[in-house]
PDB file of N, CA and C in Angstrom:
ATOM      1  N   MET A   1      37.118  32.131 -37.018  1.00  0.00           N
ATOM      2  CA  MET A   1      36.984  33.594 -36.883  1.00  0.00           C
ATOM      3  C   MET A   1      36.861  34.194 -38.266  1.00  0.00           C
ATOM      4  N   SER A   2      35.849  34.899 -38.414  1.00  0.00           N
ATOM      5  CA  SER A   2      35.548  35.581 -39.820  1.00  0.00           C
ATOM      6  C   SER A   2      36.295  36.911 -39.882  1.00  0.00           C
ATOM      7  N   VAL A   3      36.257  37.442 -41.097  1.00  0.00           N
ATOM      8  CA  VAL A   3      37.036  38.666 -41.432  1.00  0.00           C
ATOM      9  C   VAL A   3      36.459  39.810 -40.509  1.00  0.00           C
ATOM     10  N   THR A   4      35.098  39.721 -40.262  1.00  0.00           N
ATOM     11  CA  THR A   4      34.422  40.776 -39.525  1.00  0.00           C
ATOM     12  C   THR A   4      34.763  40.624 -37.990  1.00  0.00           C
ATOM     13  N   GLU A   5      35.446  39.630 -37.586  1.00  0.00           N
ATOM     14  CA  GLU A   5      35.727  39.468 -36.166  1.00  0.00           C
ATOM     15  C   GLU A   5      37.272  39.516 -35.992  1.00  0.00           C
ATOM     16  N   MET A   6      37.897  40.515 -36.538  1.00  0.00           N
ATOM     17  CA  MET A   6      39.331  40.648 -36.410  1.00  0.00           C
ATOM     18  C   MET A   6      39.707  41.031 -34.935  1.00  0.00           C
ATOM     19  N   PRO A   7      40.601  40.398 -34.330  1.00  0.00           N
ATOM     20  CA  PRO A   7      40.924  40.766 -32.945  1.00  0.00           C
ATOM     21  C   PRO A   7      41.544  42.159 -32.871  1.00  0.00           C
ATOM     22  N   GLU A   8      41.110  42.871 -31.747  1.00  0.00           N
ATOM     23  CA  GLU A   8      41.771  44.078 -31.359  1.00  0.00           C
ATOM     24  C   GLU A   8      42.747  43.713 -30.284  1.00  0.00           C
ATOM     25  N   TRP A   9      43.981  43.634 -30.556  1.00  0.00           N
ATOM     26  CA  TRP A   9      44.984  43.168 -29.621  1.00  0.00           C
ATOM     27  C   TRP A   9      45.370  44.350 -28.572  1.00  0.00           C
ATOM     28  N   ARG A  10      45.479  44.021 -27.411  1.00  0.00           N
ATOM     29  CA  ARG A  10      45.809  44.993 -26.313  1.00  0.00           C
ATOM     30  C   ARG A  10      47.073  44.427 -25.496  1.00  0.00           C
ATOM     31  N   LYS A  11      47.906  45.351 -25.240  1.00  0.00           N
ATOM     32  CA  LYS A  11      49.020  45.068 -24.369  1.00  0.00           C
ATOM     33  C   LYS A  11      48.897  45.785 -23.051  1.00  0.00           C
ATOM     34  N   SER A  12      49.550  45.303 -22.041  1.00  0.00           N
ATOM     35  CA  SER A  12      49.610  45.942 -20.728  1.00  0.00           C
ATOM     36  C   SER A  12      50.234  47.254 -20.852  1.00  0.00           C
ATOM     37  N   SER A  13      49.766  48.263 -19.933  1.00  0.00           N
ATOM     38  CA  SER A  13      50.423  49.525 -19.919  1.00  0.00           C
ATOM     39  C   SER A  13      51.865  49.448 -19.313  1.00  0.00           C
ATOM     40  N   TYR A  14      52.248  48.280 -18.794  1.00  0.00           N
ATOM     41  CA  TYR A  14      53.504  48.020 -18.208  1.00  0.00           C
ATOM     42  C   TYR A  14      54.468  47.536 -19.245  1.00  0.00           C
ATOM     43  N   CYS A  15      54.005  47.287 -20.462  1.00  0.00           N
ATOM     44  CA  CYS A  15      54.879  46.742 -21.526  1.00  0.00           C
ATOM     45  C   CYS A  15      55.659  47.959 -22.029  1.00  0.00           C
ATOM     46  N   SER A  16      56.978  47.951 -21.851  1.00  0.00           N
ATOM     47  CA  SER A  16      57.812  49.067 -22.259  1.00  0.00           C
ATOM     48  C   SER A  16      58.739  48.768 -23.345  1.00  0.00           C
ATOM     49  N   ASN A  17      59.004  47.510 -23.600  1.00  0.00           N
ATOM     50  CA  ASN A  17      59.987  47.172 -24.617  1.00  0.00           C
ATOM     51  C   ASN A  17      59.489  46.494 -25.805  1.00  0.00           C
ATOM     52  N   GLY A  18      58.182  46.462 -25.968  1.00  0.00           N
ATOM     53  CA  GLY A  18      57.507  45.913 -27.214  1.00  0.00           C
ATOM     54  C   GLY A  18      57.428  44.412 -27.312  1.00  0.00           C
ATOM     55  N   THR A  19      58.040  43.603 -26.399  1.00  0.00           N
ATOM     56  CA  THR A  19      57.974  42.234 -26.347  1.00  0.00           C
ATOM     57  C   THR A  19      57.119  41.762 -25.243  1.00  0.00           C
ATOM     58  N   CYS A  20      55.802  41.717 -25.563  1.00  0.00           N
ATOM     59  CA  CYS A  20      54.801  41.511 -24.504  1.00  0.00           C
ATOM     60  C   CYS A  20      53.801  40.501 -24.933  1.00  0.00           C
ATOM     61  N   VAL A  21      53.006  40.088 -23.945  1.00  0.00           N
ATOM     62  CA  VAL A  21      51.835  39.242 -24.198  1.00  0.00           C
ATOM     63  C   VAL A  21      50.716  40.226 -24.662  1.00  0.00           C
ATOM     64  N   GLU A  22      49.983  39.790 -25.674  1.00  0.00           N
ATOM     65  CA  GLU A  22      48.843  40.564 -25.995  1.00  0.00           C
ATOM     66  C   GLU A  22      47.585  39.754 -25.871  1.00  0.00           C
ATOM     67  N   VAL A  23      46.452  40.422 -25.613  1.00  0.00           N
ATOM     68  CA  VAL A  23      45.236  39.762 -25.300  1.00  0.00           C
ATOM     69  C   VAL A  23      44.148  40.379 -26.236  1.00  0.00           C
ATOM     70  N   ALA A  24      43.254  39.592 -26.767  1.00  0.00           N
ATOM     71  CA  ALA A  24      42.097  40.044 -27.478  1.00  0.00           C
ATOM     72  C   ALA A  24      40.871  39.217 -27.112  1.00  0.00           C
ATOM     73  N   GLN A  25      39.674  39.865 -27.258  1.00  0.00           N
ATOM     74  CA  GLN A  25      38.456  39.080 -27.109  1.00  0.00           C
ATOM     75  C   GLN A  25      37.722  39.172 -28.431  1.00  0.00           C
ATOM     76  N   VAL A  26      37.295  38.015 -28.908  1.00  0.00           N
ATOM     77  CA  VAL A  26      36.609  37.886 -30.216  1.00  0.00           C
ATOM     78  C   VAL A  26      35.437  36.875 -29.879  1.00  0.00           C
ATOM     79  N   ALA A  27      34.191  37.487 -30.048  1.00  0.00           N
ATOM     80  CA  ALA A  27      32.946  36.758 -29.720  1.00  0.00           C
ATOM     81  C   ALA A  27      33.146  36.231 -28.297  1.00  0.00           C
ATOM     82  N   ASP A  28      33.065  34.894 -28.127  1.00  0.00           N
ATOM     83  CA  ASP A  28      32.976  34.268 -26.792  1.00  0.00           C
ATOM     84  C   ASP A  28      34.436  33.676 -26.484  1.00  0.00           C
ATOM     85  N   GLU A  29      35.467  34.103 -27.144  1.00  0.00           N
ATOM     86  CA  GLU A  29      36.803  33.623 -26.861  1.00  0.00           C
ATOM     87  C   GLU A  29      37.701  34.728 -26.432  1.00  0.00           C
ATOM     88  N   TYR A  30      38.726  34.300 -25.655  1.00  0.00           N
ATOM     89  CA  TYR A  30      39.850  35.195 -25.285  1.00  0.00           C
ATOM     90  C   TYR A  30      41.046  34.610 -25.922  1.00  0.00           C
ATOM     91  N   LEU A  31      41.827  35.508 -26.517  1.00  0.00           N
ATOM     92  CA  LEU A  31      42.975  35.055 -27.305  1.00  0.00           C
ATOM     93  C   LEU A  31      44.188  35.747 -26.740  1.00  0.00           C
ATOM     94  N   ILE A  32      45.278  34.954 -26.680  1.00  0.00           N
ATOM     95  CA  ILE A  32      46.567  35.423 -26.179  1.00  0.00           C
ATOM     96  C   ILE A  32      47.686  35.093 -27.132  1.00  0.00           C
ATOM     97  N   ARG A  33      48.515  36.073 -27.397  1.00  0.00           N
ATOM     98  CA  ARG A  33      49.700  35.769 -28.284  1.00  0.00           C
ATOM     99  C   ARG A  33      50.899  36.566 -27.773  1.00  0.00           C
ATOM    100  N   ASP A  34      51.987  36.115 -28.311  1.00  0.00           N
ATOM    101  CA  ASP A  34      53.348  36.744 -28.110  1.00  0.00           C
ATOM    102  C   ASP A  34      53.542  37.888 -29.086  1.00  0.00           C
ATOM    103  N   SER A  35      53.777  39.143 -28.634  1.00  0.00           N
ATOM    104  CA  SER A  35      53.861  40.221 -29.667  1.00  0.00           C
ATOM    105  C   SER A  35      55.027  40.059 -30.614  1.00  0.00           C
ATOM    106  N   LYS A  36      56.042  39.244 -30.201  1.00  0.00           N
ATOM    107  CA  LYS A  36      57.189  39.018 -31.030  1.00  0.00           C
ATOM    108  C   LYS A  36      56.812  38.056 -32.173  1.00  0.00           C
ATOM    109  N   SER A  37      55.793  37.283 -32.065  1.00  0.00           N
ATOM    110  CA  SER A  37      55.339  36.294 -33.114  1.00  0.00           C
ATOM    111  C   SER A  37      53.886  36.428 -33.420  1.00  0.00           C
ATOM    112  N   PRO A  38      53.474  37.599 -33.994  1.00  0.00           N
ATOM    113  CA  PRO A  38      52.029  37.762 -34.142  1.00  0.00           C
ATOM    114  C   PRO A  38      51.453  36.905 -35.339  1.00  0.00           C
ATOM    115  N   ALA A  39      52.213  36.244 -36.093  1.00  0.00           N
ATOM    116  CA  ALA A  39      51.719  35.432 -37.202  1.00  0.00           C
ATOM    117  C   ALA A  39      51.413  34.024 -36.545  1.00  0.00           C
ATOM    118  N   GLN A  40      51.998  33.674 -35.443  1.00  0.00           N
ATOM    119  CA  GLN A  40      51.714  32.367 -34.796  1.00  0.00           C
ATOM    120  C   GLN A  40      50.298  32.283 -34.286  1.00  0.00           C
ATOM    121  N   ALA A  41      49.659  31.119 -34.330  1.00  0.00           N
ATOM    122  CA  ALA A  41      48.332  30.999 -33.897  1.00  0.00           C
ATOM    123  C   ALA A  41      48.223  31.418 -32.413  1.00  0.00           C
ATOM    124  N   PRO A  42      47.188  32.114 -31.961  1.00  0.00           N
ATOM    125  CA  PRO A  42      47.079  32.510 -30.476  1.00  0.00           C
ATOM    126  C   PRO A  42      46.515  31.303 -29.698  1.00  0.00           C
ATOM    127  N   LEU A  43      46.794  31.355 -28.391  1.00  0.00           N
ATOM    128  CA  LEU A  43      46.173  30.443 -27.550  1.00  0.00           C
ATOM    129  C   LEU A  43      44.648  30.921 -27.360  1.00  0.00           C
ATOM    130  N   ARG A  44      43.740  30.045 -27.250  1.00  0.00           N
ATOM    131  CA  ARG A  44      42.310  30.387 -27.108  1.00  0.00           C
ATOM    132  C   ARG A  44      41.691  29.902 -25.783  1.00  0.00           C
ATOM    133  N   PHE A  45      40.941  30.737 -25.168  1.00  0.00           N
ATOM    134  CA  PHE A  45      40.303  30.395 -23.871  1.00  0.00           C
ATOM    135  C   PHE A  45      38.874  30.680 -23.915  1.00  0.00           C
ATOM    136  N   THR A  46      38.084  29.860 -23.211  1.00  0.00           N
ATOM    137  CA  THR A  46      36.697  30.100 -22.958  1.00  0.00           C
ATOM    138  C   THR A  46      36.510  31.211 -21.934  1.00  0.00           C
ATOM    139  N   PRO A  47      35.357  31.814 -21.785  1.00  0.00           N
ATOM    140  CA  PRO A  47      35.187  32.722 -20.689  1.00  0.00           C
ATOM    141  C   PRO A  47      35.483  32.282 -19.339  1.00  0.00           C
ATOM    142  N   ASP A  48      35.047  30.982 -19.042  1.00  0.00           N
ATOM    143  CA  ASP A  48      35.273  30.346 -17.781  1.00  0.00           C
ATOM    144  C   ASP A  48      36.806  30.206 -17.530  1.00  0.00           C
ATOM    145  N   GLU A  49      37.475  29.759 -18.574  1.00  0.00           N
ATOM    146  CA  GLU A  49      38.940  29.591 -18.423  1.00  0.00           C
ATOM    147  C   GLU A  49      39.644  30.898 -18.159  1.00  0.00           C
ATOM    148  N   TRP A  50      39.197  31.894 -18.898  1.00  0.00           N
ATOM    149  CA  TRP A  50      39.834  33.224 -18.742  1.00  0.00           C
ATOM    150  C   TRP A  50      39.553  33.772 -17.260  1.00  0.00           C
ATOM    151  N   THR A  51      38.351  33.628 -16.857  1.00  0.00           N
ATOM    152  CA  THR A  51      37.951  34.135 -15.458  1.00  0.00           C
ATOM    153  C   THR A  51      38.876  33.333 -14.392  1.00  0.00           C
ATOM    154  N   ALA A  52      39.069  32.058 -14.630  1.00  0.00           N
ATOM    155  CA  ALA A  52      39.849  31.293 -13.660  1.00  0.00           C
ATOM    156  C   ALA A  52      41.265  31.750 -13.691  1.00  0.00           C
ATOM    157  N   PHE A  53      41.888  32.063 -14.985  1.00  0.00           N
ATOM    158  CA  PHE A  53      43.164  32.593 -15.032  1.00  0.00           C
ATOM    159  C   PHE A  53      43.324  33.901 -14.370  1.00  0.00           C
ATOM    160  N   VAL A  54      42.439  34.896 -14.631  1.00  0.00           N
ATOM    161  CA  VAL A  54      42.537  36.155 -14.113  1.00  0.00           C
ATOM    162  C   VAL A  54      42.453  36.101 -12.583  1.00  0.00           C
ATOM    163  N   ARG A  55      41.504  35.161 -12.003  1.00  0.00           N
ATOM    164  CA  ARG A  55      41.445  34.997 -10.556  1.00  0.00           C
ATOM    165  C   ARG A  55      42.785  34.530  -9.935  1.00  0.00           C
ATOM    166  N   GLY A  56      43.437  33.627 -10.718  1.00  0.00           N
ATOM    167  CA  GLY A  56      44.665  33.011 -10.255  1.00  0.00           C
ATOM    168  C   GLY A  56      45.731  34.135 -10.255  1.00  0.00           C
ATOM    169  N   VAL A  57      45.817  34.929 -11.296  1.00  0.00           N
ATOM    170  CA  VAL A  57      46.752  36.084 -11.241  1.00  0.00           C
ATOM    171  C   VAL A  57      46.544  36.983  -9.987  1.00  0.00           C
ATOM    172  N   ASN A  58      45.278  37.382  -9.865  1.00  0.00           N
ATOM    173  CA  ASN A  58      44.975  38.307  -8.728  1.00  0.00           C
ATOM    174  C   ASN A  58      45.246  37.600  -7.319  1.00  0.00           C
ATOM    175  N   GLU A  59      45.203  36.378  -7.296  1.00  0.00           N
ATOM    176  CA  GLU A  59      45.421  35.690  -5.986  1.00  0.00           C
ATOM    177  C   GLU A  59      46.979  35.280  -5.802  1.00  0.00           C
ATOM    178  N   GLY A  60      47.737  35.716  -6.811  1.00  0.00           N
ATOM    179  CA  GLY A  60      49.136  35.418  -6.725  1.00  0.00           C
ATOM    180  C   GLY A  60      49.631  33.978  -7.049  1.00  0.00           C
ATOM    181  N   GLN A  61      48.816  33.193  -7.643  1.00  0.00           N
ATOM    182  CA  GLN A  61      49.132  31.837  -7.957  1.00  0.00           C
ATOM    183  C   GLN A  61      50.364  31.811  -8.959  1.00  0.00           C
ATOM    184  N   PHE A  62      50.647  32.830  -9.651  1.00  0.00           N
ATOM    185  CA  PHE A  62      51.732  32.759 -10.600  1.00  0.00           C
ATOM    186  C   PHE A  62      52.943  33.637 -10.225  1.00  0.00           C
ATOM    187  N   SER A  63      53.007  33.923  -9.009  1.00  0.00           N
ATOM    188  CA  SER A  63      54.165  34.778  -8.510  1.00  0.00           C
ATOM    189  C   SER A  63      55.401  33.913  -8.397  1.00  0.00           C
ATOM    190  N   PHE A  64      56.554  34.540  -8.650  1.00  0.00           N
ATOM    191  CA  PHE A  64      57.775  33.892  -8.589  1.00  0.00           C
ATOM    192  C   PHE A  64      58.558  34.476  -7.524  1.00  0.00           C
TER     193      PHE A  64
END
Protein backbone atom coordinates (compact mmCIF):
# COMPACT_ATOMS: atom_id res chain seq x y z
CA MET A 1 0.00 0.00 0.00
CA SER A 2 1.50 3.32 -0.98
CA VAL A 3 1.23 6.62 0.86
CA THR A 4 -1.40 7.76 -1.64
CA GLU A 5 -3.58 4.79 -0.71
CA MET A 6 -4.09 5.45 2.99
CA PRO A 7 -7.13 3.60 4.31
CA GLU A 8 -10.22 5.53 5.31
CA TRP A 9 -11.33 3.47 8.30
CA ARG A 10 -15.06 3.16 9.02
CA LYS A 11 -16.87 1.91 12.11
CA SER A 12 -20.40 0.67 12.42
CA SER A 13 -22.98 3.22 13.51
CA TYR A 14 -23.75 0.70 16.29
CA CYS A 15 -20.28 1.18 17.79
CA SER A 16 -20.90 3.16 20.94
CA ASN A 17 -17.92 2.46 23.19
CA GLY A 18 -15.03 2.99 20.74
CA THR A 19 -13.79 -0.59 20.86
CA CYS A 20 -14.99 -1.72 17.48
CA VAL A 21 -14.01 -3.46 14.31
CA GLU A 22 -13.05 -1.02 11.57
CA VAL A 23 -13.20 -1.66 7.82
CA ALA A 24 -11.48 0.09 4.92
CA GLN A 25 -11.22 -0.50 1.20
CA VAL A 26 -7.91 0.22 -0.53
CA ALA A 27 -7.63 -0.53 -4.22
CA ASP A 28 -8.91 -4.11 -4.61
CA GLU A 29 -8.54 -5.14 -0.97
CA TYR A 30 -10.80 -4.94 2.05
CA LEU A 31 -9.01 -4.35 5.35
CA ILE A 32 -10.29 -5.11 8.85
CA ARG A 33 -8.71 -4.07 12.14
CA ASP A 34 -9.48 -3.78 15.84
CA SER A 35 -9.92 -0.13 16.78
CA LYS A 36 -8.14 -0.79 20.09
CA SER A 37 -4.98 -1.84 18.20
CA PRO A 38 -4.73 0.42 15.13
CA ALA A 39 -0.96 -0.10 14.80
CA GLN A 40 -1.39 -3.86 14.36
CA ALA A 41 -1.44 -5.08 10.76
CA PRO A 42 -5.02 -5.39 9.46
CA LEU A 43 -6.53 -8.56 8.05
CA ARG A 44 -6.73 -8.36 4.24
CA PHE A 45 -9.44 -9.81 2.02
CA THR A 46 -10.04 -10.04 -1.72
CA PRO A 47 -13.34 -8.76 -3.13
CA ASP A 48 -14.59 -12.37 -3.46
CA GLU A 49 -13.68 -13.16 0.14
CA TRP A 50 -15.36 -9.97 1.36
CA THR A 51 -18.52 -10.72 -0.62
CA ALA A 52 -18.68 -14.23 0.86
CA PHE A 53 -18.21 -12.82 4.37
CA VAL A 54 -20.95 -10.19 3.96
CA ARG A 55 -23.30 -12.82 2.52
CA GLY A 56 -22.59 -15.07 5.52
CA VAL A 57 -23.35 -12.23 7.94
CA ASN A 58 -26.62 -11.44 6.16
CA GLU A 59 -27.60 -15.13 6.20
CA GLY A 60 -26.96 -15.40 9.93
CA GLN A 61 -23.99 -17.77 9.67
CA PHE A 62 -22.23 -15.93 12.50
CA SER A 63 -25.14 -15.64 14.93
CA PHE A 64 -24.62 -16.79 18.50
